[in-house]
PDB file of all heavy atoms in Angstrom:
ATOM      1  N   HIS A   1      -2.598  13.058   6.726  1.00  0.00           N
ATOM      2  CA  HIS A   1      -2.580  13.596   5.367  1.00  0.00           C
ATOM      3  C   HIS A   1      -1.870  12.673   4.379  1.00  0.00           C
ATOM      4  O   HIS A   1      -2.324  12.497   3.264  1.00  0.00           O
ATOM      5  CB  HIS A   1      -1.905  14.959   5.332  1.00  0.00           C
ATOM      6  CG  HIS A   1      -2.653  16.023   6.050  1.00  0.00           C
ATOM      7  ND1 HIS A   1      -3.260  15.854   7.260  1.00  0.00           N
ATOM      8  CD2 HIS A   1      -2.908  17.299   5.720  1.00  0.00           C
ATOM      9  CE1 HIS A   1      -3.843  16.960   7.646  1.00  0.00           C
ATOM     10  NE2 HIS A   1      -3.645  17.867   6.721  1.00  0.00           N
ATOM     11  N   THR A   2      -0.729  12.153   4.808  1.00  0.00           N
ATOM     12  CA  THR A   2       0.058  11.291   3.917  1.00  0.00           C
ATOM     13  C   THR A   2       0.505  10.039   4.650  1.00  0.00           C
ATOM     14  O   THR A   2       0.705  10.044   5.862  1.00  0.00           O
ATOM     15  CB  THR A   2       1.307  12.013   3.371  1.00  0.00           C
ATOM     16  OG1 THR A   2       2.088  12.476   4.459  1.00  0.00           O
ATOM     17  CG2 THR A   2       0.937  13.158   2.469  1.00  0.00           C
ATOM     18  N   LEU A   3       0.655   8.987   3.884  1.00  0.00           N
ATOM     19  CA  LEU A   3       1.142   7.708   4.395  1.00  0.00           C
ATOM     20  C   LEU A   3       2.476   7.444   3.710  1.00  0.00           C
ATOM     21  O   LEU A   3       2.561   7.460   2.490  1.00  0.00           O
ATOM     22  CB  LEU A   3       0.139   6.598   4.071  1.00  0.00           C
ATOM     23  CG  LEU A   3       0.527   5.190   4.497  1.00  0.00           C
ATOM     24  CD1 LEU A   3       0.599   5.099   6.013  1.00  0.00           C
ATOM     25  CD2 LEU A   3      -0.470   4.189   3.954  1.00  0.00           C
ATOM     26  N   HIS A   4       3.521   7.243   4.505  1.00  0.00           N
ATOM     27  CA  HIS A   4       4.848   6.961   3.972  1.00  0.00           C
ATOM     28  C   HIS A   4       5.113   5.469   4.103  1.00  0.00           C
ATOM     29  O   HIS A   4       5.029   4.918   5.198  1.00  0.00           O
ATOM     30  CB  HIS A   4       5.916   7.754   4.723  1.00  0.00           C
ATOM     31  CG  HIS A   4       5.695   9.227   4.655  1.00  0.00           C
ATOM     32  ND1 HIS A   4       6.009   9.969   3.547  1.00  0.00           N
ATOM     33  CD2 HIS A   4       5.166  10.089   5.544  1.00  0.00           C
ATOM     34  CE1 HIS A   4       5.687  11.231   3.767  1.00  0.00           C
ATOM     35  NE2 HIS A   4       5.163  11.326   4.975  1.00  0.00           N
ATOM     36  N   VAL A   5       5.416   4.826   2.999  1.00  0.00           N
ATOM     37  CA  VAL A   5       5.714   3.395   2.984  1.00  0.00           C
ATOM     38  C   VAL A   5       7.175   3.257   2.590  1.00  0.00           C
ATOM     39  O   VAL A   5       7.596   3.777   1.557  1.00  0.00           O
ATOM     40  CB  VAL A   5       4.812   2.645   1.981  1.00  0.00           C
ATOM     41  CG1 VAL A   5       5.111   1.162   2.000  1.00  0.00           C
ATOM     42  CG2 VAL A   5       3.337   2.900   2.295  1.00  0.00           C
ATOM     43  N   ALA A   6       7.955   2.565   3.432  1.00  0.00           N
ATOM     44  CA  ALA A   6       9.386   2.431   3.165  1.00  0.00           C
ATOM     45  C   ALA A   6       9.830   0.992   3.384  1.00  0.00           C
ATOM     46  O   ALA A   6       9.129   0.199   3.997  1.00  0.00           O
ATOM     47  CB  ALA A   6      10.176   3.362   4.085  1.00  0.00           C
ATOM     48  N   GLY A   7      10.995   0.677   2.862  1.00  0.00           N
ATOM     49  CA  GLY A   7      11.581  -0.638   3.069  1.00  0.00           C
ATOM     50  C   GLY A   7      11.052  -1.714   2.148  1.00  0.00           C
ATOM     51  O   GLY A   7      11.167  -2.894   2.440  1.00  0.00           O
ATOM     52  N   MET A   8      10.467  -1.309   1.038  1.00  0.00           N
ATOM     53  CA  MET A   8       9.917  -2.291   0.110  1.00  0.00           C
ATOM     54  C   MET A   8      11.053  -2.937  -0.685  1.00  0.00           C
ATOM     55  O   MET A   8      11.953  -2.262  -1.146  1.00  0.00           O
ATOM     56  CB  MET A   8       8.926  -1.622  -0.839  1.00  0.00           C
ATOM     57  CG  MET A   8       7.725  -1.067  -0.133  1.00  0.00           C
ATOM     58  SD  MET A   8       6.587  -0.252  -1.251  1.00  0.00           S
ATOM     59  CE  MET A   8       7.508   1.192  -1.710  1.00  0.00           C
ATOM     60  N   VAL A   9      10.996  -4.240  -0.800  1.00  0.00           N
ATOM     61  CA  VAL A   9      12.004  -4.982  -1.560  1.00  0.00           C
ATOM     62  C   VAL A   9      11.307  -5.975  -2.472  1.00  0.00           C
ATOM     63  O   VAL A   9      10.118  -6.222  -2.358  1.00  0.00           O
ATOM     64  CB  VAL A   9      12.980  -5.741  -0.625  1.00  0.00           C
ATOM     65  CG1 VAL A   9      13.789  -4.775   0.202  1.00  0.00           C
ATOM     66  CG2 VAL A   9      12.240  -6.706   0.272  1.00  0.00           C
ATOM     67  N   GLY A  10      12.061  -6.570  -3.351  1.00  0.00           N
ATOM     68  CA  GLY A  10      11.509  -7.646  -4.160  1.00  0.00           C
ATOM     69  C   GLY A  10      10.646  -7.194  -5.317  1.00  0.00           C
ATOM     70  O   GLY A  10       9.750  -7.904  -5.738  1.00  0.00           O
ATOM     71  N   GLY A  11      10.888  -5.999  -5.835  1.00  0.00           N
ATOM     72  CA  GLY A  11      10.165  -5.575  -7.021  1.00  0.00           C
ATOM     73  C   GLY A  11       8.723  -5.181  -6.784  1.00  0.00           C
ATOM     74  O   GLY A  11       7.860  -5.468  -7.604  1.00  0.00           O
ATOM     75  N   VAL A  12       8.411  -4.511  -5.661  1.00  0.00           N
ATOM     76  CA  VAL A  12       7.050  -4.021  -5.435  1.00  0.00           C
ATOM     77  C   VAL A  12       6.733  -2.990  -6.508  1.00  0.00           C
ATOM     78  O   VAL A  12       7.506  -2.069  -6.744  1.00  0.00           O
ATOM     79  CB  VAL A  12       6.899  -3.402  -4.028  1.00  0.00           C
ATOM     80  CG1 VAL A  12       5.551  -2.733  -3.873  1.00  0.00           C
ATOM     81  CG2 VAL A  12       7.080  -4.468  -2.964  1.00  0.00           C
ATOM     82  N   THR A  13       5.614  -3.169  -7.188  1.00  0.00           N
ATOM     83  CA  THR A  13       5.287  -2.277  -8.291  1.00  0.00           C
ATOM     84  C   THR A  13       4.040  -1.436  -8.050  1.00  0.00           C
ATOM     85  O   THR A  13       3.874  -0.409  -8.678  1.00  0.00           O
ATOM     86  CB  THR A  13       5.088  -3.085  -9.591  1.00  0.00           C
ATOM     87  OG1 THR A  13       4.045  -4.039  -9.387  1.00  0.00           O
ATOM     88  CG2 THR A  13       6.358  -3.785  -9.996  1.00  0.00           C
ATOM     89  N   HIS A  14       3.148  -1.868  -7.155  1.00  0.00           N
ATOM     90  CA  HIS A  14       1.911  -1.134  -6.897  1.00  0.00           C
ATOM     91  C   HIS A  14       1.561  -1.213  -5.415  1.00  0.00           C
ATOM     92  O   HIS A  14       1.784  -2.234  -4.768  1.00  0.00           O
ATOM     93  CB  HIS A  14       0.741  -1.710  -7.693  1.00  0.00           C
ATOM     94  CG  HIS A  14       0.880  -1.498  -9.151  1.00  0.00           C
ATOM     95  ND1 HIS A  14       1.491  -2.391  -9.970  1.00  0.00           N
ATOM     96  CD2 HIS A  14       0.492  -0.469  -9.939  1.00  0.00           C
ATOM     97  CE1 HIS A  14       1.474  -1.942 -11.203  1.00  0.00           C
ATOM     98  NE2 HIS A  14       0.873  -0.775 -11.217  1.00  0.00           N
ATOM     99  N   ILE A  15       0.966  -0.141  -4.919  1.00  0.00           N
ATOM    100  CA  ILE A  15       0.440  -0.110  -3.556  1.00  0.00           C
ATOM    101  C   ILE A  15      -1.018   0.291  -3.655  1.00  0.00           C
ATOM    102  O   ILE A  15      -1.371   1.250  -4.351  1.00  0.00           O
ATOM    103  CB  ILE A  15       1.200   0.886  -2.677  1.00  0.00           C
ATOM    104  CG1 ILE A  15       2.645   0.415  -2.494  1.00  0.00           C
ATOM    105  CG2 ILE A  15       0.515   1.047  -1.335  1.00  0.00           C
ATOM    106  CD1 ILE A  15       3.475   1.356  -1.679  1.00  0.00           C
ATOM    107  N   THR A  16      -1.876  -0.435  -2.943  1.00  0.00           N
ATOM    108  CA  THR A  16      -3.305  -0.150  -2.926  1.00  0.00           C
ATOM    109  C   THR A  16      -3.770  -0.051  -1.481  1.00  0.00           C
ATOM    110  O   THR A  16      -3.329  -0.823  -0.626  1.00  0.00           O
ATOM    111  CB  THR A  16      -4.096  -1.259  -3.641  1.00  0.00           C
ATOM    112  OG1 THR A  16      -3.561  -1.430  -4.956  1.00  0.00           O
ATOM    113  CG2 THR A  16      -5.567  -0.903  -3.758  1.00  0.00           C
ATOM    114  N   VAL A  17      -4.661   0.887  -1.198  1.00  0.00           N
ATOM    115  CA  VAL A  17      -5.257   1.045   0.129  1.00  0.00           C
ATOM    116  C   VAL A  17      -6.658   0.444   0.092  1.00  0.00           C
ATOM    117  O   VAL A  17      -7.446   0.735  -0.810  1.00  0.00           O
ATOM    118  CB  VAL A  17      -5.316   2.525   0.535  1.00  0.00           C
ATOM    119  CG1 VAL A  17      -6.052   2.701   1.858  1.00  0.00           C
ATOM    120  CG2 VAL A  17      -3.913   3.117   0.618  1.00  0.00           C
ATOM    121  N   TYR A  18      -6.950  -0.398   1.088  1.00  0.00           N
ATOM    122  CA  TYR A  18      -8.257  -1.061   1.197  1.00  0.00           C
ATOM    123  C   TYR A  18      -8.914  -0.699   2.517  1.00  0.00           C
ATOM    124  O   TYR A  18      -8.235  -0.526   3.535  1.00  0.00           O
ATOM    125  CB  TYR A  18      -8.089  -2.585   1.162  1.00  0.00           C
ATOM    126  CG  TYR A  18      -7.526  -3.104  -0.135  1.00  0.00           C
ATOM    127  CD1 TYR A  18      -6.165  -3.313  -0.276  1.00  0.00           C
ATOM    128  CD2 TYR A  18      -8.355  -3.394  -1.208  1.00  0.00           C
ATOM    129  CE1 TYR A  18      -5.633  -3.787  -1.464  1.00  0.00           C
ATOM    130  CE2 TYR A  18      -7.840  -3.874  -2.404  1.00  0.00           C
ATOM    131  CZ  TYR A  18      -6.480  -4.074  -2.522  1.00  0.00           C
ATOM    132  OH  TYR A  18      -5.963  -4.542  -3.701  1.00  0.00           O
ATOM    133  N   ASN A  19     -10.251  -0.626   2.516  1.00  0.00           N
ATOM    134  CA  ASN A  19     -10.972  -0.457   3.778  1.00  0.00           C
ATOM    135  C   ASN A  19     -11.117  -1.825   4.450  1.00  0.00           C
ATOM    136  O   ASN A  19     -10.673  -2.840   3.906  1.00  0.00           O
ATOM    137  CB  ASN A  19     -12.327   0.236   3.569  1.00  0.00           C
ATOM    138  CG  ASN A  19     -13.296  -0.565   2.730  1.00  0.00           C
ATOM    139  OD1 ASN A  19     -13.157  -1.773   2.517  1.00  0.00           O
ATOM    140  ND2 ASN A  19     -14.328   0.114   2.240  1.00  0.00           N
ATOM    141  N   VAL A  20     -11.747  -1.865   5.613  1.00  0.00           N
ATOM    142  CA  VAL A  20     -11.858  -3.129   6.350  1.00  0.00           C
ATOM    143  C   VAL A  20     -12.777  -4.141   5.666  1.00  0.00           C
ATOM    144  O   VAL A  20     -12.765  -5.316   6.015  1.00  0.00           O
ATOM    145  CB  VAL A  20     -12.309  -2.903   7.817  1.00  0.00           C
ATOM    146  CG1 VAL A  20     -11.242  -2.161   8.593  1.00  0.00           C
ATOM    147  CG2 VAL A  20     -13.633  -2.173   7.883  1.00  0.00           C
ATOM    148  N   LEU A  21     -13.542  -3.694   4.672  1.00  0.00           N
ATOM    149  CA  LEU A  21     -14.396  -4.605   3.914  1.00  0.00           C
ATOM    150  C   LEU A  21     -13.666  -5.182   2.701  1.00  0.00           C
ATOM    151  O   LEU A  21     -14.229  -5.974   1.954  1.00  0.00           O
ATOM    152  CB  LEU A  21     -15.667  -3.882   3.446  1.00  0.00           C
ATOM    153  CG  LEU A  21     -16.563  -3.340   4.558  1.00  0.00           C
ATOM    154  CD1 LEU A  21     -17.716  -2.546   3.970  1.00  0.00           C
ATOM    155  CD2 LEU A  21     -17.050  -4.458   5.440  1.00  0.00           C
ATOM    156  N   GLY A  22     -12.414  -4.761   2.497  1.00  0.00           N
ATOM    157  CA  GLY A  22     -11.629  -5.255   1.375  1.00  0.00           C
ATOM    158  C   GLY A  22     -11.847  -4.495   0.082  1.00  0.00           C
ATOM    159  O   GLY A  22     -11.405  -4.930  -0.978  1.00  0.00           O
ATOM    160  N   GLN A  23     -12.495  -3.340   0.154  1.00  0.00           N
ATOM    161  CA  GLN A  23     -12.742  -2.532  -1.039  1.00  0.00           C
ATOM    162  C   GLN A  23     -11.583  -1.565  -1.266  1.00  0.00           C
ATOM    163  O   GLN A  23     -11.147  -0.882  -0.331  1.00  0.00           O
ATOM    164  CB  GLN A  23     -14.032  -1.726  -0.865  1.00  0.00           C
ATOM    165  CG  GLN A  23     -15.251  -2.591  -0.648  1.00  0.00           C
ATOM    166  CD  GLN A  23     -16.434  -1.799  -0.134  1.00  0.00           C
ATOM    167  OE1 GLN A  23     -16.295  -0.927   0.718  1.00  0.00           O
ATOM    168  NE2 GLN A  23     -17.620  -2.115  -0.656  1.00  0.00           N
ATOM    169  N   ALA A  24     -11.083  -1.512  -2.505  1.00  0.00           N
ATOM    170  CA  ALA A  24     -10.017  -0.563  -2.836  1.00  0.00           C
ATOM    171  C   ALA A  24     -10.544   0.857  -2.659  1.00  0.00           C
ATOM    172  O   ALA A  24     -11.642   1.182  -3.103  1.00  0.00           O
ATOM    173  CB  ALA A  24      -9.541  -0.788  -4.256  1.00  0.00           C
TER     174      ALA A  24
END
């Protein structure tokens, strides 16, 4: 249902999910 992303450093501003073909 949900994906938790943690430990980001260095000014991460956006997260995008892509399929295996590289499509957002």
